[in-house]
Amino acid sequence: MFFKSFITLGLASLPLAFAAIHDIQVGADGLSFTPEAISADVGDQVVFHFVSKNHSATQSSFDSPCGPKDGGFNSGFMPVPMNQTDNLPIHTISVYDTNPIWVFCAQTAPINHCGQGMVFAINCGADGSPNSFTSFKQSALNFGASMSSSAAAASSTADASSGSYGGGYGGYGSGDSSATMTDSSSAPASTDASSSGSSSSSGSSSSSTDSSASADSANAASADGSNVITVVVGDSQGDLKFTPSNISAPAGSTIMFQFQAKNHSVVQSTFASPCLPMSGGFKSDFFAVDAAATDFPTWNITVNDTTPIWAYCRQTNPKSHCGAGMVFSANAVATGDKSFSAFQSSAEAQNGTASTTGATGSNGALSNHAASGMGMVVAAVAIVASFL
């Protein structure tokens, strides 16, 4: 009886053994996915091939085409040097239902790629239907146009001396003034496509820090009398760390993250989930820095109270930086179960895999790791079925 049931399962699963693979070129024709929309059956795989510049494939929703979907997949940024023609980076997802899947490029340097129409869809509605790809792309373009209008208005009215942060970060963060901190950032003058992922932040400040700055700088008085604490992200030796990694930051002080090497970010998390972004928390984009650079991009947050702040680097290429212990804290207790050491140990124990737990939710797709597991099951069933 058991064997008969197993054979029946094998027959029912045979279609999965012949699932199709859909190849999508990212950045092959400017700011675009090629093709822009496809139909895919359950069990099919969609392989994103990153062929130029620095793009991502990030799941969104029809209503918010240029914002990441909670629990959705995200390739991370995949930089490709201009002279690279082989061994191009890829990101694979597997389709496990026929619901529409909406995707965008999260790059915002030097312009918002999604706002320029760099979007993609799987199993979207036909043209003329409410959830057509045409409608989805137009919504992204409308978002880009509104950003351009807002930027133009801001540039004509902003006080040149102001360093305030006037709202959500790139459509991802929260502009709620009750948040623990506000942020500002300086965009790098250019994007280094030879590094692993890059984009600039939409913050209002614009400054760079010379390499002579001390990695372990003490609190320094700024022009307005507030404290500025410099935290170096990465270093010239390629170590995956923040320096210093744990600080005391009084209310009103500024933490200036200085990106000195490779391609890192700083994202607020929680003690319980060190490698997952905190809802409504701050999040920088990736900052790619050439090994020979002497001017470094910076990204600032202002501390509003002495509640502990937890943060991590969300880079996952070629491995999870958070899982390797690249985490940071401010105002953590020195010892005990809520200390920085405990936070870092938790990140290393999770190996950064917490960020992929949403891949098997209601996102219409499986990430690479989930897909490989499904592939093994499909292969096993196919072998059994071959003996029928």
Protein backbone atom coordinates (compact mmCIF):
# COMPACT_ATOMS: atom_id res chain seq x y z
CA MET A 1 0.00 0.00 0.00
CA PHE A 2 2.81 2.37 0.93
CA PHE A 3 4.71 1.54 -2.26
CA LYS A 4 1.58 2.09 -4.35
CA SER A 5 1.02 5.48 -2.73
CA PHE A 6 4.63 6.42 -3.38
CA ILE A 7 4.28 5.45 -7.04
CA THR A 8 1.11 7.54 -7.30
CA LEU A 9 2.97 10.49 -5.83
CA GLY A 10 5.76 9.97 -8.32
CA LEU A 11 3.36 10.02 -11.26
CA ALA A 12 1.68 13.16 -9.98
CA SER A 13 5.05 14.86 -9.62
CA LEU A 14 6.41 13.93 -13.04
CA PRO A 15 5.65 17.36 -14.57
CA LEU A 16 8.01 18.95 -12.06
CA ALA A 17 10.87 16.85 -13.40
CA PHE A 18 10.48 18.60 -16.74
CA ALA A 19 10.17 22.13 -15.38
CA ALA A 20 11.33 24.88 -17.71
CA ILE A 21 14.18 27.29 -17.08
CA HIS A 22 13.56 30.92 -18.02
CA ASP A 23 16.65 33.06 -18.59
CA ILE A 24 16.29 36.78 -17.87
CA GLN A 25 19.00 39.26 -18.86
CA VAL A 26 19.40 42.08 -16.35
CA GLY A 27 20.90 45.26 -17.78
CA ALA A 28 21.56 43.86 -21.26
CA ASP A 29 19.64 46.68 -22.90
CA GLY A 30 20.06 49.66 -20.63
CA LEU A 31 17.85 49.87 -17.56
CA SER A 32 15.74 46.83 -18.33
CA PHE A 33 15.01 43.18 -17.75
CA THR A 34 14.93 41.17 -20.99
CA PRO A 35 12.30 39.90 -21.49
CA GLU A 36 10.25 42.18 -19.28
CA ALA A 37 7.46 39.71 -18.56
CA ILE A 38 7.04 35.94 -18.83
CA SER A 39 4.57 33.16 -18.07
CA ALA A 40 5.89 30.37 -15.87
CA ASP A 41 4.42 27.10 -14.64
CA VAL A 42 4.67 25.68 -11.15
CA GLY A 43 8.14 24.19 -10.69
CA ASP A 44 9.78 26.37 -13.35
CA GLN A 45 12.99 28.18 -12.53
CA VAL A 46 13.72 31.79 -13.39
CA VAL A 47 17.41 32.62 -13.71
CA PHE A 48 18.42 36.29 -13.60
CA HIS A 49 21.70 36.86 -15.50
CA PHE A 50 23.40 40.12 -14.49
CA VAL A 51 25.29 41.26 -17.58
CA SER A 52 26.29 44.88 -16.94
CA LYS A 53 26.76 47.63 -14.40
CA ASN A 54 25.21 47.12 -10.95
CA HIS A 55 21.66 45.88 -10.64
CA SER A 56 19.45 43.74 -8.44
CA ALA A 57 16.34 41.60 -8.80
CA THR A 58 14.15 42.44 -5.83
CA GLN A 59 10.58 41.27 -5.29
CA SER A 60 7.98 44.00 -4.90
CA SER A 61 4.19 44.20 -5.21
CA PHE A 62 1.81 45.52 -7.83
CA ASP A 63 0.73 48.37 -5.55
CA SER A 64 4.30 49.35 -4.63
CA PRO A 65 6.43 48.50 -7.67
CA CYS A 66 9.59 50.20 -6.37
CA GLY A 67 9.53 48.98 -2.78
CA PRO A 68 10.64 45.55 -1.52
CA LYS A 69 7.92 43.12 -0.51
CA ASP A 70 8.07 41.97 3.10
CA GLY A 71 9.61 38.50 3.07
CA GLY A 72 10.19 38.65 -0.67
CA PHE A 73 13.33 37.51 -2.44
CA ASN A 74 16.23 39.86 -3.10
CA SER A 75 19.31 39.03 -5.14
CA GLY A 76 21.34 41.84 -3.62
CA PHE A 77 23.37 44.05 -5.93
CA MET A 78 25.37 42.22 -8.60
CA PRO A 79 28.12 44.49 -10.00
CA VAL A 80 29.65 43.49 -13.35
CA PRO A 81 32.88 45.09 -14.62
CA MET A 82 32.69 46.54 -18.13
CA ASN A 83 35.22 44.04 -19.47
CA GLN A 84 33.59 40.94 -17.97
CA THR A 85 31.93 38.66 -20.54
CA ASP A 86 31.85 35.27 -18.81
CA ASN A 87 31.18 33.85 -15.36
CA LEU A 88 28.48 36.48 -14.97
CA PRO A 89 26.61 36.48 -11.65
CA ILE A 90 23.16 34.89 -11.55
CA HIS A 91 20.27 34.64 -9.10
CA THR A 92 17.73 31.84 -9.39
CA ILE A 93 14.20 31.53 -8.05
CA SER A 94 11.69 28.71 -8.41
CA VAL A 95 8.01 29.30 -9.07
CA TYR A 96 5.66 27.35 -6.82
CA ASP A 97 2.29 28.85 -7.76
CA THR A 98 0.79 30.82 -10.62
CA ASN A 99 0.21 34.06 -8.75
CA PRO A 100 1.84 37.13 -10.30
CA ILE A 101 5.38 37.88 -9.16
CA TRP A 102 6.54 41.50 -9.41
CA VAL A 103 10.23 42.44 -9.51
CA PHE A 104 12.30 45.64 -9.71
CA CYS A 105 15.91 46.80 -9.66
CA ALA A 106 16.65 48.50 -6.34
CA GLN A 107 19.59 50.53 -7.63
CA THR A 108 19.27 54.28 -7.01
CA ALA A 109 22.70 55.54 -8.11
CA PRO A 110 22.89 57.84 -9.92
CA ILE A 111 19.15 57.57 -10.68
CA ASN A 112 16.34 55.37 -9.46
CA HIS A 113 16.32 52.44 -11.90
CA CYS A 114 12.82 51.31 -10.99
CA GLY A 115 11.55 54.83 -11.55
CA GLN A 116 12.97 54.58 -15.07
CA GLY A 117 10.87 51.47 -15.72
CA MET A 118 13.37 48.74 -14.80
CA VAL A 119 10.78 46.22 -13.66
CA PHE A 120 9.86 42.62 -14.44
CA ALA A 121 6.87 40.34 -13.94
CA ILE A 122 5.99 36.65 -13.91
CA ASN A 123 2.42 35.50 -14.63
CA CYS A 124 1.01 39.01 -14.81
CA GLY A 125 -2.37 39.76 -16.34
CA ALA A 126 -2.86 40.36 -20.04
CA ASP A 127 -2.73 43.87 -21.47
CA GLY A 128 -5.93 45.66 -20.61
CA SER A 129 -6.42 43.77 -17.35
CA PRO A 130 -6.08 45.53 -13.98
CA ASN A 131 -2.84 43.70 -13.16
CA SER A 132 -1.14 43.85 -16.54
CA PHE A 133 2.58 44.40 -16.92
CA THR A 134 1.86 47.64 -18.77
CA SER A 135 0.01 48.98 -15.72
CA PHE A 136 2.76 47.78 -13.38
CA LYS A 137 5.50 49.45 -15.41
CA GLN A 138 3.50 52.66 -15.74
CA SER A 139 3.10 52.75 -11.98
CA ALA A 140 6.89 52.46 -11.62
CA LEU A 141 7.40 55.27 -14.14
CA ASN A 142 4.87 57.40 -12.27
CA PHE A 143 6.85 56.78 -9.09
CA GLY A 144 10.02 57.92 -10.84
CA ALA A 145 8.32 61.03 -12.15
CA SER A 146 7.01 61.91 -8.69
CA MET A 147 10.49 61.47 -7.23
CA SER A 148 11.94 63.78 -9.86
CA SER A 149 9.29 66.41 -9.14
CA SER A 150 9.86 66.15 -5.40
CA ALA A 151 13.61 66.42 -5.84
CA ALA A 152 13.24 69.49 -8.03
CA ALA A 153 10.93 71.14 -5.51
CA ALA A 154 13.25 70.29 -2.63
CA SER A 155 16.31 71.65 -4.41
CA SER A 156 14.58 74.96 -5.03
CA THR A 157 13.36 75.42 -1.46
CA ALA A 158 15.84 73.62 0.77
CA ASP A 159 18.04 75.59 3.13
CA ALA A 160 21.62 74.96 2.07
CA SER A 161 22.67 74.74 5.72
CA SER A 162 20.09 72.13 6.64
CA GLY A 163 21.17 68.57 7.38
CA SER A 164 17.74 67.26 8.29
CA TYR A 165 16.32 64.08 6.88
CA GLY A 166 12.94 64.77 5.43
CA GLY A 167 11.20 61.44 5.22
CA GLY A 168 11.42 57.78 4.34
CA TYR A 169 14.60 56.43 2.84
CA GLY A 170 14.17 55.82 -0.87
CA GLY A 171 10.63 54.62 -0.30
CA TYR A 172 11.89 51.85 2.00
CA GLY A 173 12.33 53.46 5.38
CA SER A 174 10.13 55.39 7.73
CA GLY A 175 9.83 59.14 7.98
CA ASP A 176 8.21 58.80 11.41
CA SER A 177 9.79 61.33 13.73
CA SER A 178 9.26 58.94 16.64
CA ALA A 179 11.93 56.60 15.31
CA THR A 180 15.02 56.12 17.44
CA MET A 181 17.13 58.09 15.00
CA THR A 182 17.18 60.05 11.80
CA ASP A 183 19.74 59.63 9.07
CA SER A 184 21.58 61.45 6.33
CA SER A 185 24.19 60.31 3.89
CA SER A 186 26.72 61.36 1.34
CA ALA A 187 26.52 59.75 -2.06
CA PRO A 188 29.77 58.56 -3.62
CA ALA A 189 30.76 60.51 -6.70
CA SER A 190 30.64 57.39 -8.82
CA THR A 191 29.62 53.77 -8.71
CA ASP A 192 32.40 51.19 -8.87
CA ALA A 193 30.96 48.39 -10.96
CA SER A 194 33.93 46.17 -10.15
CA SER A 195 32.79 45.88 -6.56
CA SER A 196 30.00 43.71 -5.27
CA GLY A 197 26.89 45.87 -5.34
CA SER A 198 26.61 49.64 -5.11
CA SER A 199 24.22 52.50 -4.80
CA SER A 200 24.03 55.88 -3.15
CA SER A 201 21.74 57.04 -0.41
CA SER A 202 19.11 59.72 -0.74
CA GLY A 203 20.18 61.56 2.40
CA SER A 204 20.71 65.29 2.43
CA SER A 205 24.33 65.71 3.48
CA SER A 206 27.16 65.61 0.97
CA SER A 207 30.65 65.04 2.28
CA SER A 208 33.52 62.59 2.12
CA THR A 209 36.13 61.71 4.70
CA ASP A 210 39.84 61.56 4.02
CA SER A 211 41.73 58.36 4.75
CA SER A 212 43.65 60.09 7.53
CA ALA A 213 40.60 59.81 9.78
CA SER A 214 41.17 57.47 12.72
CA ALA A 215 39.17 54.24 12.73
CA ASP A 216 38.93 54.39 16.52
CA SER A 217 38.16 58.07 16.72
CA ALA A 218 36.85 59.34 20.02
CA ASN A 219 33.81 61.55 20.19
CA ALA A 220 34.68 64.69 18.25
CA ALA A 221 32.92 68.02 18.60
CA SER A 222 31.17 69.14 15.46
CA ALA A 223 30.64 72.74 14.46
CA ASP A 224 27.32 72.89 16.29
CA GLY A 225 28.74 71.35 19.45
CA SER A 226 27.25 67.89 19.04
CA ASN A 227 29.31 64.70 19.27
CA VAL A 228 30.35 62.90 16.09
CA ILE A 229 31.46 59.29 16.44
CA THR A 230 33.23 57.77 13.45
CA VAL A 231 32.66 54.08 12.74
CA VAL A 232 34.68 52.55 9.90
CA VAL A 233 32.81 49.98 7.81
CA GLY A 234 35.25 47.40 6.45
CA ASP A 235 38.95 48.14 6.25
CA SER A 236 41.86 48.06 3.83
CA GLN A 237 42.67 44.47 4.83
CA GLY A 238 39.23 43.31 3.78
CA ASP A 239 38.10 42.39 7.28
CA LEU A 240 34.34 42.05 7.69
CA LYS A 241 33.82 44.31 10.67
CA PHE A 242 32.74 47.68 11.99
CA THR A 243 35.49 49.57 13.84
CA PRO A 244 34.73 50.17 16.64
CA SER A 245 31.96 47.59 16.69
CA ASN A 246 30.37 48.65 19.96
CA ILE A 247 30.12 52.25 21.16
CA SER A 248 28.39 54.47 23.68
CA ALA A 249 26.44 57.23 21.95
CA PRO A 250 24.63 59.86 24.01
CA ALA A 251 21.37 61.35 22.85
CA GLY A 252 22.00 64.06 20.27
CA SER A 253 25.24 62.56 19.00
CA THR A 254 25.88 61.63 15.39
CA ILE A 255 27.27 58.29 14.29
CA MET A 256 29.17 58.70 11.03
CA PHE A 257 29.68 55.43 9.17
CA GLN A 258 32.71 55.70 6.91
CA PHE A 259 32.90 53.09 4.14
CA GLN A 260 36.56 52.30 3.50
CA ALA A 261 36.71 49.09 1.49
CA LYS A 262 34.83 46.73 -0.81
CA ASN A 263 31.04 46.96 -0.75
CA HIS A 264 29.13 47.22 2.49
CA SER A 265 25.98 48.67 4.00
CA VAL A 266 24.62 49.42 7.45
CA VAL A 267 21.09 48.30 8.29
CA GLN A 268 19.26 48.51 11.60
CA SER A 269 18.13 45.16 13.01
CA THR A 270 17.01 43.82 16.39
CA PHE A 271 18.81 41.80 19.03
CA ALA A 272 16.49 38.85 18.41
CA SER A 273 17.06 38.89 14.63
CA PRO A 274 20.54 40.32 14.03
CA CYS A 275 20.57 39.61 10.28
CA LEU A 276 17.08 40.88 9.43
CA PRO A 277 16.12 44.53 8.85
CA MET A 278 14.11 46.10 11.63
CA SER A 279 10.68 47.25 10.52
CA GLY A 280 10.89 51.03 10.07
CA GLY A 281 14.59 51.04 10.92
CA PHE A 282 17.34 52.89 9.10
CA LYS A 283 19.04 51.33 6.08
CA SER A 284 21.88 52.64 3.95
CA ASP A 285 22.37 51.51 0.40
CA PHE A 286 25.52 49.62 -0.57
CA PHE A 287 28.66 51.72 -0.88
CA ALA A 288 31.26 50.27 -3.24
CA VAL A 289 34.76 51.59 -2.55
CA ASP A 290 37.77 50.97 -4.76
CA ALA A 291 40.82 49.49 -3.05
CA ALA A 292 42.89 52.50 -4.13
CA ALA A 293 40.39 55.10 -2.91
CA THR A 294 41.53 57.83 -0.54
CA ASP A 295 38.22 59.67 -0.21
CA PHE A 296 35.52 57.61 1.46
CA PRO A 297 31.73 57.96 1.40
CA THR A 298 30.00 58.48 4.73
CA TRP A 299 26.48 57.89 5.99
CA ASN A 300 25.18 59.40 9.22
CA ILE A 301 22.51 58.74 11.80
CA THR A 302 21.56 60.96 14.72
CA VAL A 303 20.87 59.26 18.04
CA ASN A 304 17.70 60.44 19.74
CA ASP A 305 17.90 58.41 22.97
CA THR A 306 20.08 55.83 24.69
CA THR A 307 18.09 52.76 23.71
CA PRO A 308 20.46 50.09 22.32
CA ILE A 309 20.90 50.23 18.55
CA TRP A 310 21.67 47.05 16.62
CA ALA A 311 22.91 47.02 13.02
CA TYR A 312 24.54 44.77 10.44
CA CYS A 313 25.93 44.68 6.90
CA ARG A 314 23.41 43.09 4.54
CA GLN A 315 25.93 42.10 1.87
CA THR A 316 25.58 38.42 0.91
CA ASN A 317 27.96 38.22 -2.06
CA PRO A 318 29.92 35.95 -1.97
CA LYS A 319 28.82 35.15 1.60
CA SER A 320 26.70 36.66 4.34
CA HIS A 321 28.70 39.41 6.02
CA CYS A 322 26.29 39.43 8.96
CA GLY A 323 26.70 35.68 9.32
CA ALA A 324 30.45 36.27 9.45
CA GLY A 325 29.95 38.57 12.44
CA MET A 326 29.86 41.94 10.68
CA VAL A 327 27.49 43.59 13.14
CA PHE A 328 27.47 46.77 15.21
CA SER A 329 25.83 48.10 18.34
CA ALA A 330 25.46 51.37 20.17
CA ASN A 331 24.57 51.63 23.84
CA ALA A 332 24.55 47.88 24.41
CA VAL A 333 25.30 46.63 27.91
CA ALA A 334 28.92 45.63 28.48
CA THR A 335 28.19 42.09 29.66
CA GLY A 336 25.29 39.70 29.92
CA ASP A 337 22.76 38.20 27.55
CA LYS A 338 22.09 41.51 25.74
CA SER A 339 25.72 42.53 25.21
CA PHE A 340 27.42 43.14 21.88
CA SER A 341 29.26 39.82 22.20
CA ALA A 342 25.95 38.00 22.60
CA PHE A 343 24.54 39.87 19.60
CA GLN A 344 27.52 38.99 17.41
CA SER A 345 27.45 35.36 18.53
CA SER A 346 23.77 35.18 17.60
CA ALA A 347 24.52 36.56 14.12
CA GLU A 348 27.30 34.03 13.60
CA ALA A 349 25.14 31.19 14.90
CA GLN A 350 22.39 32.06 12.45
CA ASN A 351 25.03 32.43 9.73
CA GLY A 352 22.95 35.18 8.21
CA THR A 353 20.34 32.66 7.07
CA ALA A 354 17.50 34.38 8.91
CA SER A 355 17.17 36.79 5.99
CA THR A 356 16.05 33.95 3.71
CA THR A 357 13.32 32.49 5.91
CA GLY A 358 10.62 34.39 4.06
CA ALA A 359 11.49 32.67 0.79
CA THR A 360 8.98 29.91 1.34
CA GLY A 361 6.11 32.21 2.27
CA SER A 362 3.45 33.62 -0.02
CA ASN A 363 5.88 35.28 -2.41
CA GLY A 364 5.21 33.14 -5.45
CA ALA A 365 8.82 32.01 -5.61
CA LEU A 366 11.54 30.14 -3.79
CA SER A 367 15.03 31.49 -3.27
CA ASN A 368 18.17 29.64 -4.36
CA HIS A 369 18.44 27.56 -1.19
CA ALA A 370 14.80 26.54 -1.16
CA ALA A 371 14.94 25.84 -4.88
CA SER A 372 17.86 23.46 -4.50
CA GLY A 373 15.94 21.47 -1.90
CA MET A 374 12.93 21.27 -4.17
CA GLY A 375 15.16 20.17 -7.02
CA MET A 376 16.47 17.25 -4.97
CA VAL A 377 12.94 16.10 -4.16
CA VAL A 378 11.93 16.38 -7.80
CA ALA A 379 14.96 14.40 -8.89
CA ALA A 380 14.24 11.62 -6.39
CA VAL A 381 10.62 11.33 -7.49
CA ALA A 382 11.64 11.31 -11.14
CA ILE A 383 14.05 8.42 -10.54
CA VAL A 384 11.36 6.33 -8.85
CA ALA A 385 8.90 7.14 -11.59
CA SER A 386 11.37 5.99 -14.25
CA PHE A 387 11.04 2.39 -13.02
CA LEU A 388 7.28 2.28 -13.62
